[in-house]
Each structure stands twice: as C-alpha cells, then as structure tokens.
Amino acid sequence: WTDTRTFLHSGTTGIRKAQHCVPHDVGGPTEEPWGKPNIYNIHDTSRWKDLPLKFVLMVYRDYIALGKDLEFLASMYEAIKKVLHVCRNSFDPEGCGMIQNEPWPDQTYDAWEA
C-alpha cells in the first residue's frame, strides 16, 4: 500500500498506508475493498492520534465479546506492540507519556484542531 497520493487538506503527498499504522478504513467500492485500505485522502491518517488507541480498545472489546479468548488476544499481541511503539515514538516527542497533537486536524474529528 505504498502508492502515493495527494492529501486534499494540505496538498502534500504521502503513502496510502504507513507500516504499523492503523488504517482509517478498509477501502472503498471504487477500488479493491479490503485489499487497498485508506481510500480516505483528505488528511494523512498515519498521523492521526486516536486510531492507534482505538485499535487497542477494539481488540479488548473483541477479547471480551469472544468470551475472554486468550488465543485471540495472543494473536493480536504483536500488532498491538507495533502500533503502540509507533504511537509512542511518533506522537510523544517529549517522552512524557502524553500524546502531542499537531496544529491541524490530526484525529478522526476531521475538521477539529485539538
């Protein structure tokens, strides 16, 4: 998913989906759904601060919904570690444990600056 695109909000270019970043969506009907994630091209979603943490919460939700399935949880462990590693190294430049927002809409409330 390294094809490049122009992001409509900033006019900058970037890749469709960065490694170990949670996709915004699973694709769209005009392309190959599930095969080409991140049809959304208004902002660079690899810089969104809430998607990694929502992913962790979704895994926990599914773990509970599956009857506390430890095999499922174990299968997701490496993905969670990688996503949180990117989150810590990319979004906490001060190393203080708090995610730092950027001066543009960098979360799924598209038009809001935090």
N, C-alpha and C. Protein backbone atom coordinates (compact mmCIF):
# COMPACT_ATOMS: atom_id res chain seq x y z
N TRP A 1 0.83 -1.19 0.00
CA TRP A 1 0.00 0.00 0.00
C TRP A 1 0.86 1.24 0.00
N THR A 2 1.91 1.19 -0.73
CA THR A 2 2.82 2.32 -0.73
C THR A 2 2.58 3.27 -1.89
N ASP A 3 1.46 3.09 -2.61
CA ASP A 3 1.18 4.04 -3.67
C ASP A 3 0.99 5.42 -3.06
N THR A 4 1.46 6.44 -3.77
CA THR A 4 1.40 7.80 -3.22
C THR A 4 0.10 8.47 -3.63
N ARG A 5 -0.24 9.48 -2.85
CA ARG A 5 -1.44 10.25 -3.10
C ARG A 5 -1.24 11.66 -2.61
N THR A 6 -2.07 12.55 -3.09
CA THR A 6 -2.06 13.93 -2.61
C THR A 6 -3.19 14.08 -1.60
N PHE A 7 -2.87 14.58 -0.43
CA PHE A 7 -3.88 14.80 0.61
C PHE A 7 -4.57 16.13 0.34
N LEU A 8 -5.89 16.09 0.29
CA LEU A 8 -6.66 17.25 -0.15
C LEU A 8 -6.56 18.45 0.78
N HIS A 9 -6.46 18.22 2.09
CA HIS A 9 -6.43 19.33 3.05
C HIS A 9 -5.14 20.14 2.95
N SER A 10 -4.01 19.44 2.86
CA SER A 10 -2.71 20.12 2.91
C SER A 10 -2.05 20.28 1.55
N GLY A 11 -2.46 19.45 0.58
CA GLY A 11 -1.80 19.47 -0.72
C GLY A 11 -0.49 18.72 -0.74
N THR A 12 -0.11 18.12 0.39
CA THR A 12 1.13 17.35 0.45
C THR A 12 0.89 15.95 -0.09
N THR A 13 1.97 15.26 -0.39
CA THR A 13 1.84 13.88 -0.85
C THR A 13 2.40 12.93 0.20
N GLY A 14 1.90 11.71 0.17
CA GLY A 14 2.36 10.69 1.09
C GLY A 14 1.87 9.34 0.63
N ILE A 15 2.23 8.31 1.39
CA ILE A 15 1.80 6.97 1.01
C ILE A 15 0.41 6.67 1.55
N ARG A 16 -0.24 5.72 0.92
CA ARG A 16 -1.60 5.33 1.25
C ARG A 16 -1.72 4.83 2.69
N LYS A 17 -0.82 3.93 3.10
CA LYS A 17 -0.86 3.37 4.45
C LYS A 17 0.55 3.11 4.94
N ALA A 18 0.93 3.76 6.02
CA ALA A 18 2.25 3.59 6.61
C ALA A 18 2.29 2.29 7.42
N GLN A 19 3.45 1.66 7.45
CA GLN A 19 3.63 0.40 8.18
C GLN A 19 3.36 0.60 9.67
N HIS A 20 2.63 -0.33 10.25
CA HIS A 20 2.29 -0.37 11.67
C HIS A 20 1.40 0.79 12.11
N CYS A 21 0.76 1.44 11.17
CA CYS A 21 -0.22 2.47 11.49
C CYS A 21 -1.61 1.90 11.20
N VAL A 22 -2.56 2.23 12.05
CA VAL A 22 -3.92 1.72 11.90
C VAL A 22 -4.60 2.43 10.73
N PRO A 23 -5.19 1.68 9.81
CA PRO A 23 -5.87 2.34 8.68
C PRO A 23 -7.15 3.03 9.14
N HIS A 24 -7.52 4.07 8.43
CA HIS A 24 -8.78 4.78 8.71
C HIS A 24 -9.97 3.93 8.28
N ASP A 25 -9.83 3.19 7.19
CA ASP A 25 -10.93 2.41 6.65
C ASP A 25 -10.37 1.20 5.91
N VAL A 26 -11.25 0.33 5.48
CA VAL A 26 -10.82 -0.89 4.79
C VAL A 26 -10.92 -0.76 3.28
N GLY A 27 -11.01 0.44 2.79
CA GLY A 27 -11.09 0.66 1.35
C GLY A 27 -12.49 1.09 0.94
N GLY A 28 -12.65 1.28 -0.35
CA GLY A 28 -13.93 1.74 -0.84
C GLY A 28 -14.38 0.98 -2.08
N PRO A 29 -15.63 1.14 -2.45
CA PRO A 29 -16.19 0.37 -3.56
C PRO A 29 -15.62 0.73 -4.93
N THR A 30 -14.97 1.88 -5.04
CA THR A 30 -14.40 2.26 -6.34
C THR A 30 -13.02 1.65 -6.55
N GLU A 31 -12.49 1.02 -5.51
CA GLU A 31 -11.20 0.34 -5.62
C GLU A 31 -11.38 -1.10 -5.18
N GLU A 32 -10.40 -1.65 -4.53
CA GLU A 32 -10.47 -3.04 -4.07
C GLU A 32 -10.67 -3.05 -2.56
N PRO A 33 -11.94 -3.08 -2.09
CA PRO A 33 -12.16 -3.11 -0.64
C PRO A 33 -11.41 -4.26 0.01
N TRP A 34 -10.88 -4.03 1.19
CA TRP A 34 -10.08 -4.95 1.98
C TRP A 34 -8.68 -5.12 1.40
N GLY A 35 -8.50 -4.95 0.11
CA GLY A 35 -7.18 -5.10 -0.49
C GLY A 35 -6.40 -3.81 -0.53
N LYS A 36 -7.11 -2.68 -0.53
CA LYS A 36 -6.47 -1.37 -0.57
C LYS A 36 -7.11 -0.50 0.52
N PRO A 37 -6.59 -0.55 1.75
CA PRO A 37 -7.16 0.27 2.82
C PRO A 37 -6.86 1.75 2.61
N ASN A 38 -7.55 2.57 3.36
CA ASN A 38 -7.35 4.02 3.37
C ASN A 38 -7.73 4.68 2.05
N ILE A 39 -8.98 4.54 1.65
CA ILE A 39 -9.43 5.28 0.49
C ILE A 39 -9.55 6.78 0.84
N TYR A 40 -9.70 7.05 2.13
CA TYR A 40 -9.81 8.42 2.64
C TYR A 40 -8.55 9.20 2.30
N ASN A 41 -8.69 10.34 1.65
CA ASN A 41 -7.50 11.09 1.23
C ASN A 41 -7.54 12.57 1.56
N ILE A 42 -8.35 12.95 2.53
CA ILE A 42 -8.38 14.36 2.92
C ILE A 42 -7.17 14.69 3.79
N HIS A 43 -6.86 13.83 4.76
CA HIS A 43 -5.71 14.00 5.65
C HIS A 43 -4.85 12.74 5.62
N ASP A 44 -3.62 12.85 6.06
CA ASP A 44 -2.73 11.70 6.22
C ASP A 44 -3.11 11.00 7.52
N THR A 45 -3.85 9.91 7.42
CA THR A 45 -4.35 9.24 8.62
C THR A 45 -3.26 8.52 9.41
N SER A 46 -2.08 8.36 8.85
CA SER A 46 -0.99 7.73 9.62
C SER A 46 -0.52 8.66 10.74
N ARG A 47 -0.91 9.93 10.70
CA ARG A 47 -0.55 10.89 11.74
C ARG A 47 -1.69 11.14 12.72
N TRP A 48 -2.80 10.44 12.57
CA TRP A 48 -3.93 10.63 13.48
C TRP A 48 -3.63 9.98 14.82
N LYS A 49 -3.91 10.70 15.87
CA LYS A 49 -3.52 10.28 17.21
C LYS A 49 -4.49 9.30 17.85
N ASP A 50 -5.74 9.26 17.43
CA ASP A 50 -6.71 8.42 18.12
C ASP A 50 -6.84 7.02 17.54
N LEU A 51 -6.46 6.80 16.30
CA LEU A 51 -6.64 5.48 15.69
C LEU A 51 -5.85 4.37 16.40
N PRO A 52 -4.58 4.59 16.79
CA PRO A 52 -3.86 3.50 17.48
C PRO A 52 -4.52 3.09 18.79
N LEU A 53 -4.98 4.07 19.56
CA LEU A 53 -5.58 3.75 20.85
C LEU A 53 -6.96 3.15 20.68
N LYS A 54 -7.69 3.58 19.67
CA LYS A 54 -8.98 2.94 19.37
C LYS A 54 -8.78 1.49 18.97
N PHE A 55 -7.71 1.20 18.26
CA PHE A 55 -7.40 -0.17 17.87
C PHE A 55 -7.22 -1.05 19.11
N VAL A 56 -6.46 -0.56 20.08
CA VAL A 56 -6.24 -1.33 21.30
C VAL A 56 -7.58 -1.56 22.01
N LEU A 57 -8.41 -0.54 22.08
CA LEU A 57 -9.72 -0.70 22.72
C LEU A 57 -10.61 -1.68 21.95
N MET A 58 -10.52 -1.67 20.63
CA MET A 58 -11.30 -2.61 19.82
C MET A 58 -10.85 -4.05 20.06
N VAL A 59 -9.55 -4.25 20.19
CA VAL A 59 -9.04 -5.59 20.48
C VAL A 59 -9.56 -6.04 21.85
N TYR A 60 -9.54 -5.15 22.82
CA TYR A 60 -10.05 -5.51 24.15
C TYR A 60 -11.54 -5.83 24.08
N ARG A 61 -12.29 -5.01 23.36
CA ARG A 61 -13.73 -5.25 23.20
C ARG A 61 -13.98 -6.64 22.59
N ASP A 62 -13.21 -6.96 21.54
CA ASP A 62 -13.40 -8.25 20.88
C ASP A 62 -12.97 -9.40 21.78
N TYR A 63 -11.93 -9.20 22.55
CA TYR A 63 -11.48 -10.21 23.51
C TYR A 63 -12.61 -10.54 24.49
N ILE A 64 -13.27 -9.51 25.00
CA ILE A 64 -14.39 -9.72 25.93
C ILE A 64 -15.57 -10.37 25.20
N ALA A 65 -15.91 -9.85 24.02
CA ALA A 65 -17.04 -10.36 23.25
C ALA A 65 -16.85 -11.82 22.86
N LEU A 66 -15.60 -12.23 22.70
CA LEU A 66 -15.31 -13.62 22.33
C LEU A 66 -15.17 -14.53 23.56
N GLY A 67 -15.64 -14.04 24.70
CA GLY A 67 -15.60 -14.85 25.92
C GLY A 67 -14.23 -14.92 26.56
N LYS A 68 -13.52 -13.81 26.50
CA LYS A 68 -12.16 -13.71 27.05
C LYS A 68 -11.24 -14.74 26.41
N ASP A 69 -11.22 -14.70 25.09
CA ASP A 69 -10.47 -15.65 24.26
C ASP A 69 -8.98 -15.29 24.28
N LEU A 70 -8.20 -16.02 25.07
CA LEU A 70 -6.77 -15.75 25.20
C LEU A 70 -6.02 -16.03 23.91
N GLU A 71 -6.47 -16.97 23.12
CA GLU A 71 -5.82 -17.26 21.84
C GLU A 71 -5.96 -16.06 20.89
N PHE A 72 -7.15 -15.46 20.86
CA PHE A 72 -7.35 -14.24 20.06
C PHE A 72 -6.43 -13.13 20.55
N LEU A 73 -6.41 -12.93 21.87
CA LEU A 73 -5.59 -11.87 22.44
C LEU A 73 -4.11 -12.09 22.11
N ALA A 74 -3.66 -13.31 22.22
CA ALA A 74 -2.26 -13.63 21.89
C ALA A 74 -1.98 -13.37 20.41
N SER A 75 -2.95 -13.64 19.55
CA SER A 75 -2.74 -13.41 18.11
C SER A 75 -2.64 -11.93 17.78
N MET A 76 -3.17 -11.07 18.62
CA MET A 76 -3.15 -9.63 18.38
C MET A 76 -1.99 -8.92 19.08
N TYR A 77 -1.29 -9.62 19.95
CA TYR A 77 -0.26 -9.01 20.79
C TYR A 77 0.83 -8.29 19.99
N GLU A 78 1.39 -8.93 18.99
CA GLU A 78 2.47 -8.30 18.22
C GLU A 78 1.98 -7.06 17.48
N ALA A 79 0.78 -7.11 16.93
CA ALA A 79 0.22 -5.94 16.23
C ALA A 79 0.04 -4.79 17.20
N ILE A 80 -0.47 -5.08 18.39
CA ILE A 80 -0.66 -4.03 19.41
C ILE A 80 0.69 -3.42 19.79
N LYS A 81 1.69 -4.26 20.02
CA LYS A 81 3.02 -3.75 20.37
C LYS A 81 3.56 -2.82 19.30
N LYS A 82 3.43 -3.21 18.04
CA LYS A 82 3.95 -2.39 16.94
C LYS A 82 3.21 -1.07 16.82
N VAL A 83 1.89 -1.12 16.93
CA VAL A 83 1.08 0.10 16.84
C VAL A 83 1.43 1.05 17.99
N LEU A 84 1.54 0.53 19.20
CA LEU A 84 1.87 1.39 20.34
C LEU A 84 3.30 1.92 20.27
N HIS A 85 4.20 1.15 19.69
CA HIS A 85 5.58 1.62 19.50
C HIS A 85 5.59 2.84 18.57
N VAL A 86 4.87 2.75 17.46
CA VAL A 86 4.77 3.90 16.54
C VAL A 86 4.12 5.08 17.25
N CYS A 87 3.08 4.80 18.00
CA CYS A 87 2.37 5.87 18.72
C CYS A 87 3.32 6.59 19.69
N ARG A 88 4.04 5.84 20.48
CA ARG A 88 4.96 6.44 21.47
C ARG A 88 6.08 7.21 20.78
N ASN A 89 6.69 6.61 19.77
CA ASN A 89 7.84 7.23 19.12
C ASN A 89 7.47 8.38 18.20
N SER A 90 6.28 8.39 17.66
CA SER A 90 5.89 9.44 16.72
C SER A 90 5.08 10.56 17.35
N PHE A 91 4.29 10.23 18.37
CA PHE A 91 3.32 11.21 18.88
C PHE A 91 3.64 11.74 20.27
N ASP A 92 4.72 11.26 20.87
CA ASP A 92 5.14 11.74 22.19
C ASP A 92 6.60 12.18 22.12
N PRO A 93 6.86 13.28 21.40
CA PRO A 93 8.25 13.70 21.20
C PRO A 93 8.97 14.09 22.49
N GLU A 94 8.23 14.48 23.51
CA GLU A 94 8.85 14.87 24.78
C GLU A 94 9.10 13.67 25.70
N GLY A 95 8.52 12.52 25.35
CA GLY A 95 8.70 11.33 26.17
C GLY A 95 8.01 11.42 27.51
N CYS A 96 6.96 12.24 27.60
CA CYS A 96 6.28 12.46 28.87
C CYS A 96 5.08 11.53 29.08
N GLY A 97 4.77 10.71 28.08
CA GLY A 97 3.62 9.82 28.22
C GLY A 97 2.31 10.42 27.73
N MET A 98 2.36 11.65 27.24
CA MET A 98 1.16 12.31 26.72
C MET A 98 1.32 12.54 25.22
N ILE A 99 0.33 12.13 24.46
CA ILE A 99 0.36 12.34 23.02
C ILE A 99 0.23 13.83 22.73
N GLN A 100 1.08 14.31 21.84
CA GLN A 100 1.08 15.72 21.47
C GLN A 100 0.35 15.90 20.14
N ASN A 101 -0.69 16.72 20.14
CA ASN A 101 -1.40 16.99 18.90
C ASN A 101 -0.64 18.02 18.08
N GLU A 102 -0.89 17.99 16.78
CA GLU A 102 -0.25 18.92 15.86
C GLU A 102 -1.25 20.02 15.51
N PRO A 103 -0.81 21.11 14.91
CA PRO A 103 -1.72 22.24 14.64
C PRO A 103 -2.58 22.05 13.38
N TRP A 104 -3.09 20.87 13.19
CA TRP A 104 -4.01 20.56 12.10
C TRP A 104 -4.91 19.42 12.59
N PRO A 105 -6.03 19.17 11.96
CA PRO A 105 -6.91 18.10 12.42
C PRO A 105 -6.20 16.74 12.34
N ASP A 106 -5.75 16.24 13.48
CA ASP A 106 -4.94 15.02 13.49
C ASP A 106 -5.61 13.89 14.28
N GLN A 107 -6.91 13.86 14.20
CA GLN A 107 -7.69 12.79 14.80
C GLN A 107 -8.98 12.66 13.99
N THR A 108 -9.83 11.72 14.35
CA THR A 108 -10.97 11.41 13.48
C THR A 108 -12.12 12.41 13.56
N TYR A 109 -11.98 13.45 14.33
CA TYR A 109 -12.93 14.56 14.25
C TYR A 109 -12.35 15.50 13.20
N ASP A 110 -12.54 15.13 11.93
CA ASP A 110 -11.81 15.66 10.79
C ASP A 110 -11.52 17.15 10.79
N ALA A 111 -12.48 17.96 11.10
CA ALA A 111 -12.30 19.39 10.95
C ALA A 111 -11.88 20.08 12.24
N TRP A 112 -11.66 19.33 13.29
CA TRP A 112 -11.33 19.92 14.58
C TRP A 112 -9.82 19.90 14.82
N GLU A 113 -9.30 20.99 15.26
CA GLU A 113 -7.91 21.02 15.71
C GLU A 113 -7.91 20.89 17.21
N ALA A 114 -7.11 19.99 17.75
CA ALA A 114 -7.07 19.77 19.20
C ALA A 114 -6.03 20.68 19.83
